[in-house]
Amino acid sequence: MTMVFILQNIGAAISFGLSLIAIFWPAKTENFVSIKSLGKDGNSEVRATYGGFFLGIALFALISQNAIVFLVLGTGWLSASFIRFLTLCFGFYTSKNLMGVFFEAIIGGLCITSIFF
């Protein structure tokens, strides 16, 4: 088992774990990302977007063990980190947003380790 294999799988497993939290405990996800869903449609949106989308791509990465799939998952996390960083520069600085930049970048970095080795 190589270090790349382990790191990519840690990134995908974190993604998978976060998706399960969103599916089974959407209120925890809402609180974590500072949003509030309205009614059944909003609750369904949190479960589908934060849960279902990430569940699908993380599970596919974990099952396929394909470097390209890990790269796609990691690129998504890194894109989120970059956009969050831009929001910091345009007046949306909070310590939580700053930590989000690092959190998303770390998960993304874990997932894309295969391009470095």
Protein backbone atom coordinates (compact mmCIF):
# COMPACT_ATOMS: atom_id res chain seq x y z
CA MET A 1 0.00 0.00 0.00
CA THR A 2 1.58 3.29 -1.08
CA MET A 3 1.36 6.64 0.66
CA VAL A 4 -0.52 8.07 -2.35
CA PHE A 5 -3.12 5.32 -2.04
CA ILE A 6 -3.58 6.05 1.65
CA LEU A 7 -3.78 9.84 1.27
CA GLN A 8 -6.26 9.71 -1.63
CA ASN A 9 -8.45 7.33 0.29
CA ILE A 10 -8.35 9.52 3.40
CA GLY A 11 -9.58 12.47 1.32
CA ALA A 12 -12.35 10.39 -0.24
CA ALA A 13 -13.29 8.89 3.14
CA ILE A 14 -13.62 12.37 4.67
CA SER A 15 -15.84 13.35 1.73
CA PHE A 16 -17.88 10.19 2.22
CA GLY A 17 -18.24 10.85 5.96
CA LEU A 18 -19.37 14.43 5.40
CA SER A 19 -21.93 13.21 2.87
CA LEU A 20 -23.39 10.78 5.41
CA ILE A 21 -23.71 13.57 7.97
CA ALA A 22 -25.60 15.66 5.42
CA ILE A 23 -27.91 12.79 4.51
CA PHE A 24 -28.73 11.62 8.02
CA TRP A 25 -28.28 14.83 10.03
CA PRO A 26 -28.96 17.73 7.64
CA ALA A 27 -29.36 20.19 10.52
CA LYS A 28 -25.73 19.54 11.53
CA THR A 29 -24.63 20.33 7.97
CA GLU A 30 -26.76 23.48 7.91
CA ASN A 31 -25.18 24.65 11.14
CA PHE A 32 -21.67 23.79 9.94
CA VAL A 33 -22.01 25.70 6.66
CA SER A 34 -24.15 28.51 8.15
CA ILE A 35 -27.27 27.98 6.08
CA LYS A 36 -30.90 27.38 6.97
CA SER A 37 -33.16 25.24 4.84
CA LEU A 38 -36.78 26.24 4.45
CA GLY A 39 -39.29 23.43 4.73
CA LYS A 40 -39.19 20.03 3.14
CA ASP A 41 -37.68 21.30 -0.11
CA GLY A 42 -34.77 22.95 1.68
CA ASN A 43 -34.13 19.86 3.80
CA SER A 44 -34.18 17.74 0.67
CA GLU A 45 -31.74 20.14 -1.01
CA VAL A 46 -29.22 19.82 1.82
CA ARG A 47 -29.49 16.04 1.75
CA ALA A 48 -29.23 15.86 -2.05
CA THR A 49 -26.51 18.44 -2.69
CA TYR A 50 -24.27 18.13 0.35
CA GLY A 51 -25.16 14.49 0.86
CA GLY A 52 -26.06 12.76 -2.37
CA PHE A 53 -23.61 14.50 -4.67
CA PHE A 54 -20.63 13.97 -2.39
CA LEU A 55 -21.76 10.45 -1.54
CA GLY A 56 -21.78 9.49 -5.21
CA ILE A 57 -18.42 10.89 -6.17
CA ALA A 58 -16.66 9.82 -2.94
CA LEU A 59 -18.08 6.32 -3.12
CA PHE A 60 -17.09 6.04 -6.78
CA ALA A 61 -13.53 7.10 -5.91
CA LEU A 62 -13.33 4.61 -3.05
CA ILE A 63 -14.68 1.74 -5.14
CA SER A 64 -12.92 2.44 -8.43
CA GLN A 65 -9.56 3.44 -6.96
CA ASN A 66 -9.06 5.35 -10.20
CA ALA A 67 -6.58 8.24 -10.06
CA ILE A 68 -8.73 10.36 -12.39
CA VAL A 69 -11.77 9.99 -10.14
CA PHE A 70 -9.70 11.06 -7.12
CA LEU A 71 -8.41 13.97 -9.19
CA VAL A 72 -11.97 15.06 -10.02
CA LEU A 73 -13.01 14.85 -6.36
CA GLY A 74 -9.92 16.77 -5.29
CA THR A 75 -10.37 19.41 -7.98
CA GLY A 76 -13.89 20.02 -6.70
CA TRP A 77 -12.60 20.56 -3.17
CA LEU A 78 -9.77 22.80 -4.39
CA SER A 79 -12.20 24.84 -6.49
CA ALA A 80 -14.40 25.34 -3.44
CA SER A 81 -11.35 26.42 -1.45
CA PHE A 82 -10.31 28.90 -4.14
CA ILE A 83 -13.77 30.44 -4.43
CA ARG A 84 -14.01 30.68 -0.63
CA PHE A 85 -10.59 32.40 -0.64
CA LEU A 86 -11.88 34.92 -3.19
CA THR A 87 -14.86 35.68 -0.96
CA LEU A 88 -12.40 36.54 1.82
CA CYS A 89 -10.81 39.09 -0.50
CA PHE A 90 -14.16 40.69 -1.33
CA GLY A 91 -15.43 41.49 2.14
CA PHE A 92 -16.62 38.14 3.48
CA TYR A 93 -13.76 37.52 5.86
CA THR A 94 -14.59 35.50 8.96
CA SER A 95 -12.35 33.16 10.86
CA LYS A 96 -14.75 30.33 9.95
CA ASN A 97 -14.38 31.14 6.24
CA LEU A 98 -10.60 31.25 6.61
CA MET A 99 -10.63 27.83 8.27
CA GLY A 100 -12.91 26.63 5.46
CA VAL A 101 -10.26 27.60 2.90
CA PHE A 102 -7.74 25.37 4.65
CA PHE A 103 -10.21 22.56 5.35
CA GLU A 104 -11.28 22.32 1.71
CA ALA A 105 -7.72 22.71 0.42
CA ILE A 106 -6.46 19.91 2.67
CA ILE A 107 -9.17 17.49 1.55
CA GLY A 108 -8.58 18.46 -2.08
CA GLY A 109 -4.84 18.09 -1.66
CA LEU A 110 -5.25 14.63 -0.18
CA CYS A 111 -7.36 13.54 -3.13
CA ILE A 112 -4.95 14.79 -5.80
CA THR A 113 -1.72 13.40 -4.35
CA SER A 114 -1.28 11.09 -7.34
CA ILE A 115 -0.25 14.02 -9.55
CA PHE A 116 2.72 14.72 -7.29
CA PHE A 117 4.16 11.19 -7.22
